[in-house]
Amino acid sequence: MSGYFDIALIITSIALIVSVILQNKGVGLGSLAGGDSGTVFTARRGIEKTLFYITIGLSALFFILTLVTVILSK
């Protein structure tokens, strides 16, 4: 039973990583070295808003699966 939760945890973590990376579409490599990226905060619309809610849902699912995996391992 614990094996299924481990697999679900791995899949959820990969999906969470992908969703976070997709949100950083406007970040260039110049900001990595300390340069100003000139970001302007705007309202999320369309796919950005959906991706934002998917990321929140995946993080909640990741947290719940982590708790269940820890409880089952005891």
N, C-alpha and C. Protein backbone atom coordinates (compact mmCIF):
# COMPACT_ATOMS: atom_id res chain seq x y z
N MET A 1 0.83 -1.19 0.00
CA MET A 1 0.00 0.00 0.00
C MET A 1 0.87 1.25 0.00
N SER A 2 1.95 1.20 0.73
CA SER A 2 2.84 2.36 0.80
C SER A 2 3.50 2.63 -0.55
N GLY A 3 3.69 1.60 -1.34
CA GLY A 3 4.30 1.75 -2.67
C GLY A 3 3.47 2.62 -3.59
N TYR A 4 2.14 2.50 -3.50
CA TYR A 4 1.27 3.32 -4.32
C TYR A 4 1.38 4.80 -3.95
N PHE A 5 1.48 5.05 -2.66
CA PHE A 5 1.62 6.44 -2.22
C PHE A 5 2.98 7.01 -2.63
N ASP A 6 4.00 6.17 -2.61
CA ASP A 6 5.32 6.63 -3.06
C ASP A 6 5.31 7.00 -4.54
N ILE A 7 4.68 6.17 -5.36
CA ILE A 7 4.58 6.46 -6.79
C ILE A 7 3.76 7.72 -7.03
N ALA A 8 2.65 7.86 -6.31
CA ALA A 8 1.82 9.07 -6.44
C ALA A 8 2.60 10.31 -6.00
N LEU A 9 3.43 10.17 -5.00
CA LEU A 9 4.25 11.29 -4.52
C LEU A 9 5.28 11.69 -5.57
N ILE A 10 5.88 10.73 -6.23
CA ILE A 10 6.86 11.03 -7.27
C ILE A 10 6.20 11.73 -8.46
N ILE A 11 5.05 11.22 -8.88
CA ILE A 11 4.34 11.83 -10.01
C ILE A 11 3.88 13.24 -9.67
N THR A 12 3.38 13.43 -8.45
CA THR A 12 2.94 14.76 -8.02
C THR A 12 4.10 15.73 -7.94
N SER A 13 5.23 15.27 -7.45
CA SER A 13 6.38 16.17 -7.34
C SER A 13 6.90 16.59 -8.72
N ILE A 14 6.91 15.68 -9.69
CA ILE A 14 7.33 16.03 -11.05
C ILE A 14 6.35 17.02 -11.67
N ALA A 15 5.06 16.80 -11.48
CA ALA A 15 4.05 17.73 -12.01
C ALA A 15 4.16 19.09 -11.35
N LEU A 16 4.47 19.12 -10.06
CA LEU A 16 4.63 20.39 -9.34
C LEU A 16 5.85 21.15 -9.85
N ILE A 17 6.94 20.45 -10.10
CA ILE A 17 8.14 21.09 -10.63
C ILE A 17 7.86 21.68 -12.01
N VAL A 18 7.17 20.92 -12.85
CA VAL A 18 6.85 21.41 -14.20
C VAL A 18 5.94 22.63 -14.14
N SER A 19 4.95 22.62 -13.26
CA SER A 19 4.04 23.76 -13.18
C SER A 19 4.73 25.01 -12.66
N VAL A 20 5.68 24.86 -11.76
CA VAL A 20 6.42 26.03 -11.27
C VAL A 20 7.35 26.56 -12.36
N ILE A 21 7.99 25.68 -13.10
CA ILE A 21 8.87 26.13 -14.18
C ILE A 21 8.07 26.84 -15.27
N LEU A 22 6.89 26.36 -15.59
CA LEU A 22 6.07 26.99 -16.62
C LEU A 22 5.60 28.39 -16.21
N GLN A 23 5.51 28.65 -14.92
CA GLN A 23 5.08 29.98 -14.47
C GLN A 23 6.17 31.02 -14.66
N ASN A 24 7.41 30.62 -14.76
CA ASN A 24 8.52 31.56 -14.89
C ASN A 24 8.86 31.81 -16.35
N LYS A 25 7.86 32.09 -17.18
CA LYS A 25 8.11 32.25 -18.60
C LYS A 25 8.84 33.54 -18.93
N GLY A 26 8.71 34.58 -18.12
CA GLY A 26 9.32 35.85 -18.44
C GLY A 26 10.66 36.08 -17.79
N VAL A 27 11.21 35.09 -17.11
CA VAL A 27 12.46 35.25 -16.40
C VAL A 27 13.61 34.90 -17.33
N GLY A 28 14.54 35.82 -17.49
CA GLY A 28 15.68 35.57 -18.35
C GLY A 28 16.88 35.14 -17.54
N LEU A 29 17.95 34.78 -18.22
CA LEU A 29 19.17 34.35 -17.54
C LEU A 29 19.91 35.52 -16.93
N GLY A 30 19.61 36.74 -17.35
CA GLY A 30 20.28 37.91 -16.79
C GLY A 30 19.94 38.11 -15.32
N SER A 31 18.74 37.76 -14.94
CA SER A 31 18.36 37.91 -13.53
C SER A 31 19.04 36.87 -12.65
N LEU A 32 19.50 35.78 -13.26
CA LEU A 32 20.21 34.75 -12.51
C LEU A 32 21.54 35.27 -11.98
N ALA A 33 22.20 36.13 -12.74
CA ALA A 33 23.48 36.69 -12.35
C ALA A 33 23.34 37.97 -11.53
N GLY A 34 22.12 38.33 -11.18
CA GLY A 34 21.90 39.50 -10.34
C GLY A 34 21.41 40.72 -11.10
N GLY A 35 21.20 40.58 -12.39
CA GLY A 35 20.69 41.69 -13.18
C GLY A 35 19.22 41.94 -12.92
N ASP A 36 18.78 43.13 -13.24
CA ASP A 36 17.38 43.48 -13.05
C ASP A 36 16.56 42.92 -14.21
N SER A 37 15.55 42.17 -13.89
CA SER A 37 14.73 41.58 -14.94
C SER A 37 13.61 42.52 -15.34
N GLY A 38 13.38 43.59 -14.59
CA GLY A 38 12.36 44.55 -14.95
C GLY A 38 10.96 43.99 -14.88
N THR A 39 10.68 43.20 -13.88
CA THR A 39 9.37 42.57 -13.79
C THR A 39 8.32 43.56 -13.36
N VAL A 40 7.16 43.42 -13.93
CA VAL A 40 6.00 44.23 -13.58
C VAL A 40 4.92 43.25 -13.16
N PHE A 41 4.35 43.48 -12.00
CA PHE A 41 3.32 42.57 -11.52
C PHE A 41 2.00 42.94 -12.18
N THR A 42 1.41 41.98 -12.87
CA THR A 42 0.14 42.19 -13.54
C THR A 42 -0.85 41.13 -13.06
N ALA A 43 -2.09 41.34 -13.42
CA ALA A 43 -3.13 40.38 -13.04
C ALA A 43 -2.98 39.11 -13.88
N ARG A 44 -3.25 37.98 -13.26
CA ARG A 44 -3.19 36.71 -13.97
C ARG A 44 -4.49 36.53 -14.74
N ARG A 45 -4.35 36.16 -16.01
CA ARG A 45 -5.53 35.94 -16.83
C ARG A 45 -5.35 34.69 -17.65
N GLY A 46 -6.45 34.06 -17.96
CA GLY A 46 -6.45 32.91 -18.85
C GLY A 46 -5.64 31.73 -18.33
N ILE A 47 -4.68 31.30 -19.14
CA ILE A 47 -3.90 30.10 -18.82
C ILE A 47 -3.00 30.34 -17.61
N GLU A 48 -2.54 31.57 -17.41
CA GLU A 48 -1.70 31.86 -16.24
C GLU A 48 -2.46 31.65 -14.95
N LYS A 49 -3.72 32.06 -14.94
CA LYS A 49 -4.56 31.89 -13.75
C LYS A 49 -4.84 30.41 -13.50
N THR A 50 -5.12 29.67 -14.58
CA THR A 50 -5.37 28.24 -14.44
C THR A 50 -4.13 27.52 -13.94
N LEU A 51 -2.97 27.87 -14.50
CA LEU A 51 -1.72 27.26 -14.07
C LEU A 51 -1.40 27.58 -12.62
N PHE A 52 -1.75 28.79 -12.19
CA PHE A 52 -1.56 29.19 -10.80
C PHE A 52 -2.39 28.32 -9.86
N TYR A 53 -3.66 28.10 -10.23
CA TYR A 53 -4.53 27.26 -9.40
C TYR A 53 -4.10 25.79 -9.43
N ILE A 54 -3.61 25.33 -10.57
CA ILE A 54 -3.11 23.96 -10.65
C ILE A 54 -1.90 23.78 -9.73
N THR A 55 -1.02 24.79 -9.70
CA THR A 55 0.16 24.71 -8.83
C THR A 55 -0.25 24.67 -7.36
N ILE A 56 -1.24 25.45 -6.98
CA ILE A 56 -1.73 25.43 -5.60
C ILE A 56 -2.32 24.06 -5.26
N GLY A 57 -3.12 23.50 -6.18
CA GLY A 57 -3.71 22.18 -5.95
C GLY A 57 -2.66 21.09 -5.85
N LEU A 58 -1.65 21.16 -6.72
CA LEU A 58 -0.58 20.16 -6.67
C LEU A 58 0.23 20.26 -5.39
N SER A 59 0.45 21.49 -4.91
CA SER A 59 1.21 21.62 -3.67
C SER A 59 0.41 21.10 -2.48
N ALA A 60 -0.90 21.31 -2.47
CA ALA A 60 -1.73 20.75 -1.40
C ALA A 60 -1.75 19.22 -1.46
N LEU A 61 -1.85 18.68 -2.67
CA LEU A 61 -1.83 17.22 -2.84
C LEU A 61 -0.48 16.65 -2.42
N PHE A 62 0.61 17.33 -2.76
CA PHE A 62 1.94 16.89 -2.37
C PHE A 62 2.07 16.86 -0.84
N PHE A 63 1.55 17.89 -0.18
CA PHE A 63 1.60 17.95 1.28
C PHE A 63 0.81 16.81 1.91
N ILE A 64 -0.38 16.56 1.40
CA ILE A 64 -1.23 15.50 1.94
C ILE A 64 -0.60 14.13 1.72
N LEU A 65 -0.07 13.90 0.50
CA LEU A 65 0.57 12.62 0.22
C LEU A 65 1.81 12.41 1.09
N THR A 66 2.55 13.48 1.36
CA THR A 66 3.71 13.37 2.22
C THR A 66 3.31 12.97 3.64
N LEU A 67 2.26 13.59 4.16
CA LEU A 67 1.77 13.24 5.48
C LEU A 67 1.29 11.79 5.55
N VAL A 68 0.55 11.36 4.53
CA VAL A 68 0.06 9.99 4.51
C VAL A 68 1.21 9.00 4.43
N THR A 69 2.22 9.31 3.63
CA THR A 69 3.38 8.41 3.50
C THR A 69 4.15 8.31 4.82
N VAL A 70 4.29 9.42 5.52
CA VAL A 70 4.99 9.40 6.80
C VAL A 70 4.19 8.61 7.84
N ILE A 71 2.88 8.81 7.85
CA ILE A 71 2.04 8.11 8.83
C ILE A 71 2.05 6.60 8.55
N LEU A 72 2.00 6.21 7.29
CA LEU A 72 1.99 4.77 6.95
C LEU A 72 3.34 4.11 7.19
N SER A 73 4.43 4.89 7.18
CA SER A 73 5.74 4.29 7.37
C SER A 73 6.03 3.98 8.85
N LYS A 74 5.22 4.50 9.75
CA LYS A 74 5.43 4.24 11.17
C LYS A 74 4.81 2.95 11.62
